[in-house]
Amino acid sequence: MAALRHDMTNFYFRALGGEAMFRSLTLMLLRISTGALLMIWGVVRFIQTDRAIGLSERFYFGLVSTPLMQHVLGGLQIFIGAMVILGVFRRVFYPLQAVALGLGGLAVWRSYIDPLGQFFGREGTNLLFFPSSTVFFATLVLIAFIDHDHWSIDKQTRRRRSGNA
């Protein structure tokens, strides 16, 4: 069985151009999907400001419950998400994305631990918040494997500067 798994893994790697190509592809897809989600949340702060304020009231103790604060935070989320998608200044923007997602996760921690509301009750939990933990951990994967993401703008410009184009 282990040999079959190994053969299948090698098949996928070969089909996608090798292990390094597969790694670069998956890291790029993680970068795009996590950055896009952060951008979407930022856009929501602009086009559904009242909804964003309602979430702030419920989960963030009203700390950012003004339209101006929602727009500032939304603009930051859109900017950070765009930089993550492009792979620009990754050593700065990956951690910023992790902080943004982590702070959001702290507000809905009950949904991470008890997404079905079986232990804490249904008040304060929401199954739809549980996947946010996956996005946060995906961002940590991006940080951990930052040197293997060869399809980012950072990596491409560094390669050109060093003459390895």
C-alpha atoms as a PDB file:
ATOM      1  CA  MET A   1       0.000   0.000   0.000  1.00  0.00           C
ATOM      2  CA  ALA A   2       2.831   2.399   0.831  1.00  0.00           C
ATOM      3  CA  ALA A   3       4.395   1.659  -2.560  1.00  0.00           C
ATOM      4  CA  LEU A   4       1.108   2.500  -4.288  1.00  0.00           C
ATOM      5  CA  ARG A   5       0.886   5.810  -2.426  1.00  0.00           C
ATOM      6  CA  HIS A   6       4.480   6.578  -3.394  1.00  0.00           C
ATOM      7  CA  ASP A   7       3.766   5.736  -7.057  1.00  0.00           C
ATOM      8  CA  MET A   8       0.650   7.929  -7.076  1.00  0.00           C
ATOM      9  CA  THR A   9       2.534  10.808  -5.479  1.00  0.00           C
ATOM     10  CA  ASN A  10       5.294  10.494  -8.069  1.00  0.00           C
ATOM     11  CA  PHE A  11       2.645  10.370 -10.817  1.00  0.00           C
ATOM     12  CA  TYR A  12       1.151  13.661  -9.629  1.00  0.00           C
ATOM     13  CA  PHE A  13       4.555  15.297  -9.347  1.00  0.00           C
ATOM     14  CA  ARG A  14       5.553  14.136 -12.850  1.00  0.00           C
ATOM     15  CA  ALA A  15       2.203  15.210 -14.319  1.00  0.00           C
ATOM     16  CA  LEU A  16       2.691  18.698 -12.888  1.00  0.00           C
ATOM     17  CA  GLY A  17       6.323  19.102 -13.901  1.00  0.00           C
ATOM     18  CA  GLY A  18       8.086  17.718 -10.844  1.00  0.00           C
ATOM     19  CA  GLU A  19       8.002  18.169  -7.102  1.00  0.00           C
ATOM     20  CA  ALA A  20       9.434  21.704  -7.144  1.00  0.00           C
ATOM     21  CA  MET A  21       6.860  22.792  -9.742  1.00  0.00           C
ATOM     22  CA  PHE A  22       4.046  21.216  -7.704  1.00  0.00           C
ATOM     23  CA  ARG A  23       5.283  22.960  -4.552  1.00  0.00           C
ATOM     24  CA  SER A  24       5.461  26.320  -6.337  1.00  0.00           C
ATOM     25  CA  LEU A  25       1.981  25.829  -7.780  1.00  0.00           C
ATOM     26  CA  THR A  26       0.387  24.959  -4.441  1.00  0.00           C
ATOM     27  CA  LEU A  27       2.096  27.834  -2.632  1.00  0.00           C
ATOM     28  CA  MET A  28       0.959  30.250  -5.329  1.00  0.00           C
ATOM     29  CA  LEU A  29      -2.622  28.943  -5.029  1.00  0.00           C
ATOM     30  CA  LEU A  30      -2.479  29.342  -1.234  1.00  0.00           C
ATOM     31  CA  ARG A  31      -1.163  32.865  -1.693  1.00  0.00           C
ATOM     32  CA  ILE A  32      -3.963  33.758  -4.113  1.00  0.00           C
ATOM     33  CA  SER A  33      -6.769  32.169  -2.099  1.00  0.00           C
ATOM     34  CA  THR A  34      -5.775  33.518   1.317  1.00  0.00           C
ATOM     35  CA  GLY A  35      -5.043  36.988  -0.032  1.00  0.00           C
ATOM     36  CA  ALA A  36      -8.328  37.012  -1.969  1.00  0.00           C
ATOM     37  CA  LEU A  37     -10.294  36.124   1.144  1.00  0.00           C
ATOM     38  CA  LEU A  38      -8.691  38.982   3.059  1.00  0.00           C
ATOM     39  CA  MET A  39      -9.513  41.317   0.169  1.00  0.00           C
ATOM     40  CA  ILE A  40     -13.136  40.136   0.101  1.00  0.00           C
ATOM     41  CA  TRP A  41     -13.492  40.852   3.825  1.00  0.00           C
ATOM     42  CA  GLY A  42     -12.008  44.286   3.159  1.00  0.00           C
ATOM     43  CA  VAL A  43     -14.496  44.964   0.363  1.00  0.00           C
ATOM     44  CA  VAL A  44     -17.367  43.928   2.657  1.00  0.00           C
ATOM     45  CA  ARG A  45     -16.309  46.715   5.033  1.00  0.00           C
ATOM     46  CA  PHE A  46     -16.923  49.200   2.194  1.00  0.00           C
ATOM     47  CA  ILE A  47     -20.027  47.888   0.453  1.00  0.00           C
ATOM     48  CA  GLN A  48     -21.794  46.487   3.523  1.00  0.00           C
ATOM     49  CA  THR A  49     -20.547  48.875   6.170  1.00  0.00           C
ATOM     50  CA  ASP A  50     -23.645  48.427   8.348  1.00  0.00           C
ATOM     51  CA  ARG A  51     -23.145  44.654   8.342  1.00  0.00           C
ATOM     52  CA  ALA A  52     -19.462  45.073   9.211  1.00  0.00           C
ATOM     53  CA  ILE A  53     -20.408  47.405  12.071  1.00  0.00           C
ATOM     54  CA  GLY A  54     -22.906  44.803  13.302  1.00  0.00           C
ATOM     55  CA  LEU A  55     -20.167  42.173  13.348  1.00  0.00           C
ATOM     56  CA  SER A  56     -17.911  44.604  15.182  1.00  0.00           C
ATOM     57  CA  GLU A  57     -20.599  45.183  17.798  1.00  0.00           C
ATOM     58  CA  ARG A  58     -21.142  41.468  18.255  1.00  0.00           C
ATOM     59  CA  PHE A  59     -17.609  40.082  18.133  1.00  0.00           C
ATOM     60  CA  TYR A  60     -15.192  42.978  18.729  1.00  0.00           C
ATOM     61  CA  PHE A  61     -16.948  44.767  21.598  1.00  0.00           C
ATOM     62  CA  GLY A  62     -17.736  47.701  19.312  1.00  0.00           C
ATOM     63  CA  LEU A  63     -14.085  48.772  19.175  1.00  0.00           C
ATOM     64  CA  VAL A  64     -14.185  49.509  15.446  1.00  0.00           C
ATOM     65  CA  SER A  65     -17.867  50.294  15.019  1.00  0.00           C
ATOM     66  CA  THR A  66     -17.699  53.528  13.053  1.00  0.00           C
ATOM     67  CA  PRO A  67     -17.933  53.753   9.273  1.00  0.00           C
ATOM     68  CA  LEU A  68     -14.545  55.498   9.170  1.00  0.00           C
ATOM     69  CA  MET A  69     -12.848  52.676  11.115  1.00  0.00           C
ATOM     70  CA  GLN A  70     -14.517  50.070   8.911  1.00  0.00           C
ATOM     71  CA  HIS A  71     -13.263  51.834   5.789  1.00  0.00           C
ATOM     72  CA  VAL A  72      -9.729  52.196   7.159  1.00  0.00           C
ATOM     73  CA  LEU A  73      -9.603  48.524   8.160  1.00  0.00           C
ATOM     74  CA  GLY A  74     -11.179  47.512   4.862  1.00  0.00           C
ATOM     75  CA  GLY A  75      -8.579  49.490   2.928  1.00  0.00           C
ATOM     76  CA  LEU A  76      -5.782  47.860   4.912  1.00  0.00           C
ATOM     77  CA  GLN A  77      -7.224  44.394   4.330  1.00  0.00           C
ATOM     78  CA  ILE A  78      -7.557  45.020   0.598  1.00  0.00           C
ATOM     79  CA  PHE A  79      -3.987  46.331   0.394  1.00  0.00           C
ATOM     80  CA  ILE A  80      -2.482  43.491   2.447  1.00  0.00           C
ATOM     81  CA  GLY A  81      -4.468  40.892   0.495  1.00  0.00           C
ATOM     82  CA  ALA A  82      -3.310  42.340  -2.842  1.00  0.00           C
ATOM     83  CA  MET A  83       0.333  42.308  -1.733  1.00  0.00           C
ATOM     84  CA  VAL A  84      -0.020  38.691  -0.594  1.00  0.00           C
ATOM     85  CA  ILE A  85      -1.590  37.665  -3.910  1.00  0.00           C
ATOM     86  CA  LEU A  86       1.201  39.319  -5.881  1.00  0.00           C
ATOM     87  CA  GLY A  87       3.907  38.005  -3.584  1.00  0.00           C
ATOM     88  CA  VAL A  88       5.406  41.438  -2.930  1.00  0.00           C
ATOM     89  CA  PHE A  89       7.381  42.028   0.281  1.00  0.00           C
ATOM     90  CA  ARG A  90       6.229  38.613   1.494  1.00  0.00           C
ATOM     91  CA  ARG A  91       8.306  38.745   4.671  1.00  0.00           C
ATOM     92  CA  VAL A  92       6.275  41.801   5.684  1.00  0.00           C
ATOM     93  CA  PHE A  93       2.824  41.029   4.299  1.00  0.00           C
ATOM     94  CA  TYR A  94       2.522  37.325   5.194  1.00  0.00           C
ATOM     95  CA  PRO A  95       2.922  38.091   8.916  1.00  0.00           C
ATOM     96  CA  LEU A  96       0.542  41.064   8.595  1.00  0.00           C
ATOM     97  CA  GLN A  97      -2.022  38.774   7.007  1.00  0.00           C
ATOM     98  CA  ALA A  98      -1.478  36.228   9.788  1.00  0.00           C
ATOM     99  CA  VAL A  99      -2.072  38.945  12.399  1.00  0.00           C
ATOM    100  CA  ALA A 100      -5.241  40.141  10.645  1.00  0.00           C
ATOM    101  CA  LEU A 101      -6.600  36.606  10.357  1.00  0.00           C
ATOM    102  CA  GLY A 102      -5.466  35.701  13.874  1.00  0.00           C
ATOM    103  CA  LEU A 103      -7.199  38.706  15.425  1.00  0.00           C
ATOM    104  CA  GLY A 104     -10.345  37.819  13.530  1.00  0.00           C
ATOM    105  CA  GLY A 105     -10.034  34.284  14.830  1.00  0.00           C
ATOM    106  CA  LEU A 106      -9.707  35.417  18.427  1.00  0.00           C
ATOM    107  CA  ALA A 107     -13.103  37.066  18.151  1.00  0.00           C
ATOM    108  CA  VAL A 108     -14.757  33.819  17.052  1.00  0.00           C
ATOM    109  CA  TRP A 109     -12.649  31.353  19.055  1.00  0.00           C
ATOM    110  CA  ARG A 110     -15.726  29.465  20.215  1.00  0.00           C
ATOM    111  CA  SER A 111     -16.476  28.567  16.620  1.00  0.00           C
ATOM    112  CA  TYR A 112     -12.985  27.082  16.255  1.00  0.00           C
ATOM    113  CA  ILE A 113     -13.321  24.883  19.322  1.00  0.00           C
ATOM    114  CA  ASP A 114     -17.041  24.101  19.103  1.00  0.00           C
ATOM    115  CA  PRO A 115     -18.287  24.851  15.566  1.00  0.00           C
ATOM    116  CA  LEU A 116     -21.572  23.004  16.104  1.00  0.00           C
ATOM    117  CA  GLY A 117     -22.352  24.722  19.398  1.00  0.00           C
ATOM    118  CA  GLN A 118     -22.532  21.476  21.373  1.00  0.00           C
ATOM    119  CA  PHE A 119     -20.497  22.637  24.372  1.00  0.00           C
ATOM    120  CA  PHE A 120     -20.746  26.432  24.451  1.00  0.00           C
ATOM    121  CA  GLY A 121     -24.278  26.548  23.112  1.00  0.00           C
ATOM    122  CA  ARG A 122     -25.324  27.986  19.801  1.00  0.00           C
ATOM    123  CA  GLU A 123     -24.966  31.590  20.967  1.00  0.00           C
ATOM    124  CA  GLY A 124     -21.504  32.811  19.987  1.00  0.00           C
ATOM    125  CA  THR A 125     -20.708  29.893  17.668  1.00  0.00           C
ATOM    126  CA  ASN A 126     -21.148  29.624  13.943  1.00  0.00           C
ATOM    127  CA  LEU A 127     -20.096  26.743  11.729  1.00  0.00           C
ATOM    128  CA  LEU A 128     -19.267  29.201   8.940  1.00  0.00           C
ATOM    129  CA  PHE A 129     -16.473  30.732  11.042  1.00  0.00           C
ATOM    130  CA  PHE A 130     -14.644  27.408  11.474  1.00  0.00           C
ATOM    131  CA  PRO A 131     -12.953  27.500   8.021  1.00  0.00           C
ATOM    132  CA  SER A 132     -11.308  30.774   9.043  1.00  0.00           C
ATOM    133  CA  SER A 133      -8.916  28.680  11.106  1.00  0.00           C
ATOM    134  CA  THR A 134      -7.830  26.890   7.925  1.00  0.00           C
ATOM    135  CA  VAL A 135      -7.079  30.193   6.215  1.00  0.00           C
ATOM    136  CA  PHE A 136      -5.046  31.324   9.228  1.00  0.00           C
ATOM    137  CA  PHE A 137      -3.049  28.072   9.247  1.00  0.00           C
ATOM    138  CA  ALA A 138      -2.595  28.276   5.456  1.00  0.00           C
ATOM    139  CA  THR A 139      -0.978  31.669   6.008  1.00  0.00           C
ATOM    140  CA  LEU A 140       1.378  30.072   8.541  1.00  0.00           C
ATOM    141  CA  VAL A 141       2.264  27.483   5.873  1.00  0.00           C
ATOM    142  CA  LEU A 142       3.079  30.339   3.489  1.00  0.00           C
ATOM    143  CA  ILE A 143       5.395  31.802   6.122  1.00  0.00           C
ATOM    144  CA  ALA A 144       7.026  28.432   6.835  1.00  0.00           C
ATOM    145  CA  PHE A 145       7.692  27.710   3.148  1.00  0.00           C
ATOM    146  CA  ILE A 146       8.374  31.257   1.986  1.00  0.00           C
ATOM    147  CA  ASP A 147      11.656  30.277   0.320  1.00  0.00           C
ATOM    148  CA  HIS A 148       9.902  27.611  -1.785  1.00  0.00           C
ATOM    149  CA  ASP A 149       7.420  30.017  -3.382  1.00  0.00           C
ATOM    150  CA  HIS A 150       9.259  30.598  -6.644  1.00  0.00           C
ATOM    151  CA  TRP A 151       6.360  32.227  -8.514  1.00  0.00           C
ATOM    152  CA  SER A 152       6.086  35.369  -6.409  1.00  0.00           C
ATOM    153  CA  ILE A 153       7.123  38.802  -7.621  1.00  0.00           C
ATOM    154  CA  ASP A 154       9.698  38.956  -4.809  1.00  0.00           C
ATOM    155  CA  LYS A 155      11.376  35.759  -5.946  1.00  0.00           C
ATOM    156  CA  GLN A 156      11.298  36.728  -9.627  1.00  0.00           C
ATOM    157  CA  THR A 157      12.818  40.175  -9.059  1.00  0.00           C
ATOM    158  CA  ARG A 158      15.475  38.731  -6.749  1.00  0.00           C
ATOM    159  CA  ARG A 159      16.334  36.124  -9.388  1.00  0.00           C
ATOM    160  CA  ARG A 160      16.646  38.799 -12.109  1.00  0.00           C
ATOM    161  CA  ARG A 161      18.835  41.009  -9.912  1.00  0.00           C
ATOM    162  CA  SER A 162      21.185  38.138  -9.180  1.00  0.00           C
ATOM    163  CA  GLY A 163      21.419  37.253 -12.885  1.00  0.00           C
ATOM    164  CA  ASN A 164      19.733  33.851 -12.582  1.00  0.00           C
ATOM    165  CA  ALA A 165      16.844  34.604 -14.934  1.00  0.00           C
END
